[in-house]
Amino acid sequence: QVPLVESGGDSVQPGGSLRLSCAATQFTLDYYAVGWFRQAPGKEREGVSCITNSNSNTFYGDSVKGRFVISRDSAKNAVYLQMNSLKPEDTAVYYCAAGFEIPTAQAMCAPGTPLFTPWGQGTQVTVSS
């Protein structure tokens, strides 16, 4: 499989907002669970927010709950991550990936869950004053 394509990263000040996009070019994302993950320098990659294929279940990591929103656009075959009230600790490379037959969004975000797509290049988010 080919990786999903992430975009939308930028440098913003604390309190700012960004919307990340995750697009698939060779398959229909609606049939897969999709997750946003991030990796900061010197840290392991962590699940940030995930959504099941049916959109019936979403998961947010504790550090982003209430600030980030994950959503799908079936017409554009894309998944988005709206990030509000950004903090310096949100600085990281953000990746998206798809999973097949993942029962819950929390499972999709959990470390070690088998993924359908390989990791892509990611998109850099920098939050700094």
Foldseek 3Di string as FASTA:
>chain_A
DAFWDKDWADEEAQQAKTKMKTADDPDQQLQWKKWKWWDDPPGDIFTAKIAGSPNPAIDGDPVQPPFWDWDDDRVRSMIMIIGGRDDQVVWTFMWMFTAHPDPHRVLVRDPPRDTPHDTDPGHTHGYHD
